[in-house]
Amino acid sequence: MVSNWQLQQAAQVVRYGGVIAYPTEAVWGLGCDPWNDEAVERVLALKDRPAHKGLILVAADIDQFDFLLEDLPEIWLARLSGSWPGPHTWLVPHQNRLPEWISGEHSSVALRVSAHPVVRALCRLTGPLVSTSANPAGRPPARSRLRLQQYFPGQLDQIVGGSVGGRKNPSLIRDLISGDVVRAS
């Protein structure tokens, strides 16, 4: 298990604009403060990912997304709360409440409330984080700390301890409005 001290250190790195790696339910993730454009640019550069694709935000609980969810119909809120925490990512209308470096060219943003104890503990300290799989574009996501370090040698500000969960695939992505599956797990 990860110590409280290590989680506090990781949260401080995030607050100061750093990029961290942490275990999730299926793969290692890269994360940073979504409001810090320079940190987000670093994540995108590490992955060689174009900004127009947008990024996922992960949180400890649904309340951390209140600023995005406050105007949504009850039926949509019920969909979200019924699937979280867990391996479900939803494309939610962002209503221009997020910077373009998070949403990319989309009118929605990908949101997830993780069930992984390390992710949840981190987000309790930082608020929502950028969460994207730890891999350069076109390569398989890192499932081990060794692969993570091979992909990004000396390029991360901190690697949070812990183990990847037992899920075989990253989270299912669905459109909140239509319910359509965008990416199967």
Protein backbone atom coordinates (compact mmCIF):
# COMPACT_ATOMS: atom_id res chain seq x y z
CA MET A 1 0.00 0.00 0.00
CA VAL A 2 1.07 3.57 -0.60
CA SER A 3 1.94 5.67 2.42
CA ASN A 4 0.11 8.87 3.25
CA TRP A 5 3.45 10.68 3.01
CA GLN A 6 3.96 9.50 -0.59
CA LEU A 7 0.44 10.58 -1.51
CA GLN A 8 1.05 14.00 0.06
CA GLN A 9 4.29 14.32 -1.93
CA ALA A 10 2.52 13.39 -5.17
CA ALA A 11 -0.23 15.92 -4.47
CA GLN A 12 2.38 18.60 -3.90
CA VAL A 13 4.10 17.70 -7.19
CA VAL A 14 0.75 18.08 -8.96
CA ARG A 15 0.04 21.43 -7.27
CA TYR A 16 3.43 22.72 -8.45
CA GLY A 17 2.76 21.74 -12.06
CA GLY A 18 4.44 18.35 -12.14
CA VAL A 19 3.53 15.20 -14.04
CA ILE A 20 3.07 12.00 -12.09
CA ALA A 21 2.43 8.36 -12.89
CA TYR A 22 0.15 6.19 -10.81
CA PRO A 23 -1.49 2.76 -10.95
CA THR A 24 -5.12 2.49 -12.06
CA GLU A 25 -7.56 -0.40 -12.37
CA ALA A 26 -5.92 -1.83 -15.52
CA VAL A 27 -2.81 0.16 -16.52
CA TRP A 28 -0.43 2.84 -15.29
CA GLY A 29 -1.69 6.37 -15.84
CA LEU A 30 -0.09 9.76 -16.32
CA GLY A 31 -1.64 12.65 -14.49
CA CYS A 32 -1.37 16.33 -13.73
CA ASP A 33 -3.41 19.35 -12.71
CA PRO A 34 -6.01 19.87 -15.46
CA TRP A 35 -5.98 23.65 -14.88
CA ASN A 36 -2.23 23.92 -15.53
CA ASP A 37 -1.76 24.23 -19.29
CA GLU A 38 2.03 23.69 -19.11
CA ALA A 39 1.61 20.44 -17.18
CA VAL A 40 -1.02 19.23 -19.65
CA GLU A 41 1.28 20.13 -22.55
CA ARG A 42 4.02 18.01 -20.93
CA VAL A 43 1.66 15.02 -20.66
CA LEU A 44 0.67 15.42 -24.31
CA ALA A 45 4.33 15.72 -25.37
CA LEU A 46 5.33 12.63 -23.36
CA LYS A 47 2.61 10.63 -25.09
CA ASP A 48 3.04 12.32 -28.47
CA ARG A 49 -0.72 12.84 -28.34
CA PRO A 50 -2.43 15.62 -30.28
CA ALA A 51 -4.28 18.16 -28.11
CA HIS A 52 -7.40 18.08 -30.27
CA LYS A 53 -8.24 14.56 -29.02
CA GLY A 54 -8.90 15.79 -25.46
CA LEU A 55 -8.12 14.03 -22.18
CA ILE A 56 -9.90 12.13 -19.43
CA LEU A 57 -10.43 13.62 -15.99
CA VAL A 58 -10.54 11.27 -13.02
CA ALA A 59 -11.92 12.00 -9.55
CA ALA A 60 -12.32 10.43 -6.13
CA ASP A 61 -16.11 10.86 -6.14
CA ILE A 62 -18.88 12.36 -8.23
CA ASP A 63 -18.98 15.51 -6.06
CA GLN A 64 -15.60 16.55 -7.45
CA PHE A 65 -17.33 17.01 -10.82
CA ASP A 66 -20.20 19.14 -9.46
CA PHE A 67 -19.05 22.18 -11.43
CA LEU A 68 -19.68 20.19 -14.64
CA LEU A 69 -22.77 18.28 -13.58
CA GLU A 70 -24.89 20.89 -11.81
CA ASP A 71 -27.22 21.57 -14.78
CA LEU A 72 -27.63 18.00 -16.04
CA PRO A 73 -31.00 16.21 -16.05
CA GLU A 74 -31.62 13.74 -13.21
CA ILE A 75 -31.68 10.78 -15.60
CA TRP A 76 -28.11 11.53 -16.71
CA LEU A 77 -26.94 12.05 -13.14
CA ALA A 78 -28.47 8.69 -12.24
CA ARG A 79 -26.47 7.04 -15.08
CA LEU A 80 -23.27 8.51 -13.72
CA SER A 81 -23.85 7.78 -10.07
CA GLY A 82 -25.02 4.25 -10.87
CA SER A 83 -21.75 3.40 -12.59
CA TRP A 84 -19.24 5.12 -10.29
CA PRO A 85 -16.85 4.44 -8.75
CA GLY A 86 -15.74 1.98 -11.34
CA PRO A 87 -14.27 1.37 -14.78
CA HIS A 88 -16.79 3.57 -16.61
CA THR A 89 -15.76 6.73 -18.42
CA TRP A 90 -18.55 8.99 -19.63
CA LEU A 91 -18.47 11.69 -22.28
CA VAL A 92 -20.28 14.57 -20.57
CA PRO A 93 -21.15 17.98 -22.06
CA HIS A 94 -18.66 20.44 -20.56
CA GLN A 95 -20.69 23.58 -21.32
CA ASN A 96 -17.46 25.55 -21.84
CA ARG A 97 -16.49 25.09 -18.19
CA LEU A 98 -13.15 23.51 -19.05
CA PRO A 99 -10.12 24.78 -20.91
CA GLU A 100 -9.67 23.62 -24.50
CA TRP A 101 -6.44 21.84 -23.56
CA ILE A 102 -8.66 19.32 -21.69
CA SER A 103 -11.68 19.00 -23.99
CA GLY A 104 -9.79 19.30 -27.26
CA GLU A 105 -12.12 19.87 -30.20
CA HIS A 106 -15.07 18.27 -28.41
CA SER A 107 -18.19 19.69 -26.75
CA SER A 108 -17.94 16.93 -24.17
CA VAL A 109 -15.27 15.80 -21.74
CA ALA A 110 -14.39 12.28 -20.63
CA LEU A 111 -15.01 11.83 -16.88
CA ARG A 112 -14.40 8.87 -14.58
CA VAL A 113 -14.61 8.23 -10.86
CA SER A 114 -12.02 5.59 -10.16
CA ALA A 115 -12.45 2.62 -7.85
CA HIS A 116 -8.67 2.25 -7.47
CA PRO A 117 -7.64 3.17 -3.91
CA VAL A 118 -4.46 5.03 -4.96
CA VAL A 119 -6.27 7.14 -7.57
CA ARG A 120 -9.08 7.95 -5.15
CA ALA A 121 -6.67 8.90 -2.37
CA LEU A 122 -4.69 11.14 -4.74
CA CYS A 123 -7.80 12.87 -6.06
CA ARG A 124 -9.03 13.49 -2.51
CA LEU A 125 -5.87 15.56 -2.05
CA THR A 126 -5.72 17.25 -5.46
CA GLY A 127 -9.22 17.34 -6.88
CA PRO A 128 -9.78 15.92 -10.36
CA LEU A 129 -6.67 14.92 -12.28
CA VAL A 130 -5.84 14.46 -15.92
CA SER A 131 -5.74 10.70 -16.40
CA THR A 132 -4.35 9.14 -19.52
CA SER A 133 -2.71 5.80 -20.10
CA ALA A 134 1.05 5.79 -19.62
CA ASN A 135 2.34 5.02 -23.09
CA PRO A 136 3.68 6.82 -26.13
CA ALA A 137 1.15 6.99 -28.98
CA GLY A 138 0.86 3.68 -30.80
CA ARG A 139 2.42 1.62 -27.99
CA PRO A 140 0.52 -0.58 -25.52
CA PRO A 141 -0.26 1.01 -22.15
CA ALA A 142 2.23 0.29 -19.38
CA ARG A 143 0.95 -2.50 -17.13
CA SER A 144 4.10 -2.65 -15.00
CA ARG A 145 6.32 -0.10 -13.31
CA LEU A 146 9.25 -1.42 -15.36
CA ARG A 147 7.46 -0.73 -18.66
CA LEU A 148 6.48 2.70 -17.37
CA GLN A 149 10.12 3.51 -16.61
CA GLN A 150 11.22 2.16 -20.01
CA TYR A 151 8.71 4.41 -21.77
CA PHE A 152 9.55 7.56 -19.78
CA PRO A 153 13.09 7.24 -18.34
CA GLY A 154 13.74 10.19 -16.04
CA GLN A 155 10.86 12.19 -17.56
CA LEU A 156 8.31 12.00 -14.75
CA ASP A 157 8.33 14.13 -11.62
CA GLN A 158 7.07 11.28 -9.44
CA ILE A 159 5.93 7.69 -9.73
CA VAL A 160 3.38 6.87 -7.06
CA GLY A 161 3.70 3.40 -5.58
CA GLY A 162 1.07 0.73 -5.64
CA SER A 163 -0.11 -1.95 -7.99
CA VAL A 164 -2.26 -1.91 -11.07
CA GLY A 165 -5.68 -3.44 -10.39
CA GLY A 166 -6.86 -6.70 -11.86
CA ARG A 167 -8.82 -5.37 -14.83
CA LYS A 168 -7.68 -6.64 -18.20
CA ASN A 169 -8.68 -3.55 -20.20
CA PRO A 170 -8.96 0.20 -19.63
CA SER A 171 -12.38 1.64 -18.83
CA LEU A 172 -15.42 1.47 -21.06
CA ILE A 173 -16.19 4.88 -22.61
CA ARG A 174 -19.82 5.83 -23.24
CA ASP A 175 -21.63 8.92 -24.40
CA LEU A 176 -23.81 10.20 -21.55
CA ILE A 177 -26.53 11.64 -23.78
CA SER A 178 -26.99 8.73 -26.19
CA GLY A 179 -25.69 5.90 -23.99
CA ASP A 180 -23.65 4.66 -26.99
CA VAL A 181 -20.38 2.83 -26.34
CA VAL A 182 -17.48 4.82 -27.81
CA ARG A 183 -14.73 2.43 -26.62
CA ALA A 184 -15.37 -1.06 -25.33
CA SER A 185 -13.37 -2.30 -22.39
